[in-house]
């Protein structure tokens, strides 16, 4: 898996968790 793809997936996952936590 390319690094850029890994970063994209990680950022999306973290943002999703943050949104859930903030809500």
PDB file of N, CA and C in Angstrom:
ATOM      1  N   UNK A   1       0.852  -1.208   0.000  1.00  0.00           N
ATOM      2  CA  UNK A   1       0.000   0.000   0.000  1.00  0.00           C
ATOM      3  C   UNK A   1       0.884   1.253   0.000  1.00  0.00           C
ATOM      4  N   UNK A   2       0.657   2.137  -0.948  1.00  0.00           N
ATOM      5  CA  UNK A   2       1.442   3.374  -1.010  1.00  0.00           C
ATOM      6  C   UNK A   2       1.269   4.196   0.263  1.00  0.00           C
ATOM      7  N   UNK A   3       2.299   4.973   0.579  1.00  0.00           N
ATOM      8  CA  UNK A   3       2.251   5.791   1.797  1.00  0.00           C
ATOM      9  C   UNK A   3       1.116   6.805   1.735  1.00  0.00           C
ATOM     10  N   UNK A   4       0.948   7.424   0.576  1.00  0.00           N
ATOM     11  CA  UNK A   4      -0.098   8.438   0.433  1.00  0.00           C
ATOM     12  C   UNK A   4      -1.467   7.837   0.720  1.00  0.00           C
ATOM     13  N   UNK A   5      -1.681   6.616   0.254  1.00  0.00           N
ATOM     14  CA  UNK A   5      -2.970   5.959   0.488  1.00  0.00           C
ATOM     15  C   UNK A   5      -3.137   5.662   1.971  1.00  0.00           C
ATOM     16  N   UNK A   6      -2.068   5.235   2.605  1.00  0.00           N
ATOM     17  CA  UNK A   6      -2.118   4.923   4.034  1.00  0.00           C
ATOM     18  C   UNK A   6      -2.465   6.182   4.812  1.00  0.00           C
ATOM     19  N   UNK A   7      -1.853   7.306   4.446  1.00  0.00           N
ATOM     20  CA  UNK A   7      -2.133   8.575   5.120  1.00  0.00           C
ATOM     21  C   UNK A   7      -3.582   8.968   4.921  1.00  0.00           C
ATOM     22  N   UNK A   8      -4.049   8.844   3.696  1.00  0.00           N
ATOM     23  CA  UNK A   8      -5.437   9.215   3.394  1.00  0.00           C
ATOM     24  C   UNK A   8      -6.401   8.393   4.235  1.00  0.00           C
ATOM     25  N   UNK A   9      -6.145   7.096   4.318  1.00  0.00           N
ATOM     26  CA  UNK A   9      -7.008   6.204   5.100  1.00  0.00           C
ATOM     27  C   UNK A   9      -6.951   6.558   6.579  1.00  0.00           C
ATOM     28  N   UNK A  10      -5.736   6.805   7.076  1.00  0.00           N
ATOM     29  CA  UNK A  10      -5.561   7.134   8.497  1.00  0.00           C
ATOM     30  C   UNK A  10      -6.261   8.436   8.847  1.00  0.00           C
ATOM     31  N   UNK A  11      -6.053   9.464   8.023  1.00  0.00           N
ATOM     32  CA  UNK A  11      -6.672  10.760   8.280  1.00  0.00           C
ATOM     33  C   UNK A  11      -8.193  10.627   8.277  1.00  0.00           C
ATOM     34  N   UNK A  12      -8.717   9.903   7.312  1.00  0.00           N
ATOM     35  CA  UNK A  12     -10.173   9.723   7.224  1.00  0.00           C
ATOM     36  C   UNK A  12     -10.679   9.015   8.476  1.00  0.00           C
ATOM     37  N   UNK A  13      -9.953   7.996   8.903  1.00  0.00           N
ATOM     38  CA  UNK A  13     -10.366   7.223  10.078  1.00  0.00           C
ATOM     39  C   UNK A  13     -10.339   8.106  11.330  1.00  0.00           C
ATOM     40  N   UNK A  14      -9.272   8.874  11.494  1.00  0.00           N
ATOM     41  CA  UNK A  14      -9.145   9.749  12.666  1.00  0.00           C
ATOM     42  C   UNK A  14     -10.249  10.805  12.655  1.00  0.00           C
ATOM     43  N   UNK A  15     -10.476  11.412  11.497  1.00  0.00           N
ATOM     44  CA  UNK A  15     -11.514  12.433  11.403  1.00  0.00           C
ATOM     45  C   UNK A  15     -12.870  11.846  11.773  1.00  0.00           C
ATOM     46  N   UNK A  16     -13.108  10.621  11.346  1.00  0.00           N
ATOM     47  CA  UNK A  16     -14.371   9.957  11.655  1.00  0.00           C
ATOM     48  C   UNK A  16     -14.503   9.776  13.167  1.00  0.00           C
ATOM     49  N   UNK A  17     -13.419   9.336  13.809  1.00  0.00           N
ATOM     50  CA  UNK A  17     -13.437   9.138  15.261  1.00  0.00           C
ATOM     51  C   UNK A  17     -13.624  10.468  15.979  1.00  0.00           C
ATOM     52  N   UNK A  18     -12.963  11.509  15.507  1.00  0.00           N
ATOM     53  CA  UNK A  18     -13.072  12.820  16.128  1.00  0.00           C
ATOM     54  C   UNK A  18     -14.511  13.318  16.033  1.00  0.00           C
ATOM     55  N   UNK A  19     -15.123  13.160  14.878  1.00  0.00           N
ATOM     56  CA  UNK A  19     -16.500  13.613  14.689  1.00  0.00           C
ATOM     57  C   UNK A  19     -17.422  12.895  15.670  1.00  0.00           C
ATOM     58  N   UNK A  20     -17.198  11.597  15.836  1.00  0.00           N
ATOM     59  CA  UNK A  20     -18.032  10.818  16.753  1.00  0.00           C
ATOM     60  C   UNK A  20     -17.804  11.292  18.186  1.00  0.00           C
ATOM     61  N   UNK A  21     -16.550  11.564  18.521  1.00  0.00           N
ATOM     62  CA  UNK A  21     -16.211  11.986  19.880  1.00  0.00           C
ATOM     63  C   UNK A  21     -16.795  13.373  20.171  1.00  0.00           C
ATOM     64  N   UNK A  22     -16.672  14.279  19.211  1.00  0.00           N
ATOM     65  CA  UNK A  22     -17.172  15.641  19.388  1.00  0.00           C
ATOM     66  C   UNK A  22     -18.690  15.625  19.513  1.00  0.00           C
ATOM     67  N   UNK A  23     -19.326  14.785  18.731  1.00  0.00           N
ATOM     68  CA  UNK A  23     -20.791  14.709  18.781  1.00  0.00           C
ATOM     69  C   UNK A  23     -21.215  14.202  20.149  1.00  0.00           C
TER      70      UNK A  23
END
